[in-house]
Protein backbone atom coordinates (compact mmCIF):
# COMPACT_ATOMS: atom_id res chain seq x y z
CA MET A 1 94.56 72.25 78.93
CA ARG A 2 92.13 74.54 80.68
CA LEU A 3 93.20 75.64 84.15
CA THR A 4 90.66 77.23 86.47
CA LEU A 5 92.57 79.17 89.11
CA ILE A 6 90.68 80.21 92.23
CA ARG A 7 92.02 82.73 94.71
CA HIS A 8 91.39 81.90 98.35
CA PRO A 9 88.78 83.81 100.41
CA ARG A 10 89.79 86.92 102.36
CA PRO A 11 91.91 85.76 105.33
CA LEU A 12 91.55 86.98 108.88
CA VAL A 13 94.36 89.53 108.86
CA ALA A 14 94.68 93.31 109.15
CA PRO A 15 94.84 95.00 105.74
CA ASP A 16 98.16 96.75 106.44
CA LEU A 17 100.13 93.59 107.29
CA CYS A 18 102.63 91.90 105.00
CA TYR A 19 101.74 88.25 104.65
CA GLY A 20 102.61 85.61 102.14
CA SER A 21 103.40 82.14 103.41
CA THR A 22 101.87 82.76 106.85
CA ASP A 23 99.12 80.20 107.47
CA LEU A 24 96.02 82.35 108.04
CA ALA A 25 92.46 81.30 108.80
CA VAL A 26 89.33 82.44 106.98
CA ALA A 27 86.07 83.41 108.68
CA PRO A 28 83.45 80.66 108.20
CA GLU A 29 80.97 83.12 106.67
CA GLU A 30 83.60 84.28 104.14
CA LEU A 31 84.32 80.68 103.18
CA ALA A 32 80.58 80.01 102.77
CA ARG A 33 80.14 83.16 100.66
CA VAL A 34 82.92 82.24 98.23
CA LEU A 35 81.76 78.64 97.97
CA ALA A 36 78.17 79.75 97.25
CA GLU A 37 79.34 82.16 94.53
CA LEU A 38 81.83 79.79 92.89
CA GLY A 39 80.21 76.38 93.29
CA PRO A 40 77.71 76.64 90.42
CA THR A 41 80.36 77.99 88.01
CA LEU A 42 83.06 75.33 88.48
CA PRO A 43 83.37 72.41 86.07
CA PRO A 44 82.91 68.99 87.73
CA GLY A 45 85.03 65.87 87.34
CA LEU A 46 88.42 67.56 87.18
CA PRO A 47 91.41 67.04 89.47
CA LEU A 48 91.65 69.71 92.16
CA PHE A 49 94.98 71.00 93.46
CA SER A 50 95.47 73.41 96.33
CA SER A 51 98.05 75.24 98.34
CA PRO A 52 98.21 73.55 101.76
CA LEU A 53 97.80 76.89 103.58
CA ARG A 54 94.47 77.01 105.46
CA ARG A 55 93.01 79.90 103.49
CA CYS A 56 93.25 77.71 100.36
CA ALA A 57 92.93 74.22 101.84
CA GLU A 58 89.63 74.98 103.56
CA LEU A 59 88.11 76.23 100.30
CA ALA A 60 89.53 73.32 98.30
CA THR A 61 88.13 70.81 100.79
CA ALA A 62 84.71 72.48 100.63
CA VAL A 63 84.78 72.56 96.82
CA ALA A 64 85.75 68.88 96.69
CA ALA A 65 82.83 68.03 99.00
CA ALA A 66 80.33 70.11 96.99
CA LEU A 67 81.52 69.28 93.49
CA PRO A 68 82.42 65.89 92.14
CA CYS A 69 86.19 66.16 91.62
CA ALA A 70 88.44 63.50 90.16
CA SER A 71 90.88 63.98 93.06
CA LEU A 72 92.11 66.49 95.64
CA ALA A 73 95.82 67.06 96.24
CA PHE A 74 97.69 69.66 98.29
CA ASP A 75 100.97 70.88 96.84
CA ALA A 76 103.44 73.17 98.64
CA ARG A 77 104.65 74.55 95.30
CA LEU A 78 101.38 76.53 95.16
CA VAL A 79 102.08 78.43 98.42
CA GLU A 80 102.39 82.23 98.29
CA ILE A 81 105.83 83.87 98.47
CA ASP A 82 107.72 83.68 101.78
CA PHE A 83 108.44 87.21 102.96
CA GLY A 84 110.81 85.95 105.70
CA ALA A 85 111.21 88.47 108.53
CA TRP A 86 108.63 90.73 106.87
CA GLU A 87 105.82 88.22 107.46
CA MET A 88 103.05 89.68 109.65
CA ARG A 89 104.78 93.04 110.01
CA ARG A 90 103.02 96.28 109.13
CA TRP A 91 104.20 97.47 105.73
CA ASP A 92 104.93 100.88 107.30
CA ASP A 93 107.27 99.21 109.83
CA ILE A 94 109.50 97.67 107.14
CA PRO A 95 112.52 99.94 106.62
CA ARG A 96 112.21 102.09 103.50
CA ALA A 97 115.73 101.06 102.43
CA ASP A 98 114.60 97.40 102.35
CA ILE A 99 111.53 98.24 100.26
CA ASP A 100 113.74 100.29 97.90
CA ALA A 101 116.22 97.39 97.57
CA TRP A 102 113.34 95.10 96.59
CA ALA A 103 112.03 97.66 94.08
CA ALA A 104 115.50 97.89 92.54
CA ASP A 105 115.60 94.12 91.87
CA VAL A 106 112.02 92.83 92.02
CA ALA A 107 112.81 89.41 90.58
CA ALA A 108 115.92 88.39 92.54
CA TYR A 109 115.65 90.28 95.84
CA ARG A 110 114.62 88.16 98.83
CA PRO A 111 112.28 90.35 100.90
CA GLY A 112 112.85 89.88 104.61
CA GLY A 113 115.49 87.25 103.76
CA GLY A 114 112.69 84.98 102.55
CA GLU A 115 112.06 83.93 98.97
CA SER A 116 112.65 85.88 95.77
CA VAL A 117 109.99 86.08 93.08
CA LEU A 118 112.41 84.16 90.85
CA GLN A 119 112.63 81.34 93.42
CA MET A 120 108.85 81.25 93.68
CA ALA A 121 108.59 81.25 89.87
CA ALA A 122 110.83 78.17 89.71
CA ARG A 123 108.63 76.13 92.06
CA VAL A 124 105.39 77.30 90.40
CA ALA A 125 106.82 76.49 86.95
CA ALA A 126 107.82 73.02 88.17
CA PHE A 127 104.23 72.42 89.31
CA HIS A 128 102.78 73.76 86.05
CA ASP A 129 105.14 71.72 83.88
CA GLN A 130 104.38 68.53 85.83
CA LEU A 131 100.66 69.22 85.46
CA LEU A 132 101.03 69.58 81.68
CA ARG A 133 102.90 66.27 81.45
CA LYS A 134 99.91 64.51 83.03
CA GLN A 135 97.85 65.59 79.98
CA TYR A 136 94.66 66.39 81.86
CA THR A 137 91.95 68.13 79.85
CA GLY A 138 91.65 70.60 82.70
CA ALA A 139 92.26 71.15 86.38
CA LEU A 140 91.04 73.30 89.26
CA LEU A 141 93.62 75.07 91.42
CA VAL A 142 92.95 76.91 94.69
CA CYS A 143 95.89 79.19 95.41
CA HIS A 144 97.11 82.74 95.99
CA ALA A 145 97.24 85.89 93.85
CA GLY A 146 101.02 85.67 93.42
CA THR A 147 100.80 82.02 92.45
CA MET A 148 97.99 82.78 90.00
CA ARG A 149 100.02 85.52 88.31
CA LEU A 150 103.02 83.21 87.94
CA LEU A 151 100.87 80.34 86.63
CA ALA A 152 99.30 82.66 84.05
CA ALA A 153 102.75 83.78 82.91
CA ARG A 154 104.01 80.19 82.66
CA HIS A 155 100.85 79.06 80.85
CA ALA A 156 101.56 81.83 78.30
CA GLY A 157 104.97 80.23 77.67
CA LEU A 158 107.21 82.68 79.53
CA SER A 159 110.62 81.70 80.89
CA LEU A 160 111.37 81.82 84.63
CA GLU A 161 112.92 85.28 84.39
CA GLU A 162 110.04 86.60 82.27
CA MET A 163 107.50 85.06 84.67
CA ALA A 164 109.13 86.69 87.68
CA LEU A 165 109.36 90.12 86.06
CA LYS A 166 105.82 90.03 84.72
CA ALA A 167 104.38 88.93 88.08
CA ALA A 168 106.44 91.37 90.13
CA CYS A 169 106.19 94.50 88.02
CA ALA A 170 102.44 95.00 87.73
CA PRO A 171 99.88 95.26 90.53
CA HIS A 172 97.28 92.53 90.46
CA GLN A 173 93.53 92.94 90.24
CA ILE A 174 92.59 89.46 91.47
CA GLY A 175 89.91 89.64 94.14
CA TYR A 176 89.47 87.18 97.00
CA GLY A 177 87.45 84.19 95.76
CA GLN A 178 87.87 85.25 92.13
CA CYS A 179 88.52 82.78 89.28
CA LEU A 180 90.97 83.13 86.43
CA VAL A 181 90.61 80.68 83.53
CA LEU A 182 93.67 79.83 81.43
CA ASP A 183 93.27 78.07 78.10
CA SER A 184 96.08 76.65 76.00
């Protein structure tokens, strides 16, 4: 199965804020830019799945309108990590001891009392495994950088623990509106 993962457009948020599961809007011109760049490159006729958060859902809805898709479904398992009390706080305002505790256990620590990377890996793996059972030839997914990293790890056959460590231990280079294609 070929999965085409699409990261959402740049959301309307200050660059120094911690955000994950916060539902953020995207500027209309940013949405139009990403759609114009991606539209001609996306394969038609595939099912389209999206995180229900606005920054993904708006792009997925626009892609579905511009490209013939087999279907469009929103799935909460594709949402970015929940940073709990850290959501929408400046990174510099989060106590250093809390950041250090997360760094000491990147897979299992629950930043801000929210969700651990391991918990997120479990829901992303459940989505991925269900998708594979449907035996599609391919699918389009509009989601978040963290979700994309976990999907790539699962698609490579990694266990939950391996997925979480791989996704949490290396900085990502996935730009807003960028595609990542996974082949099996």
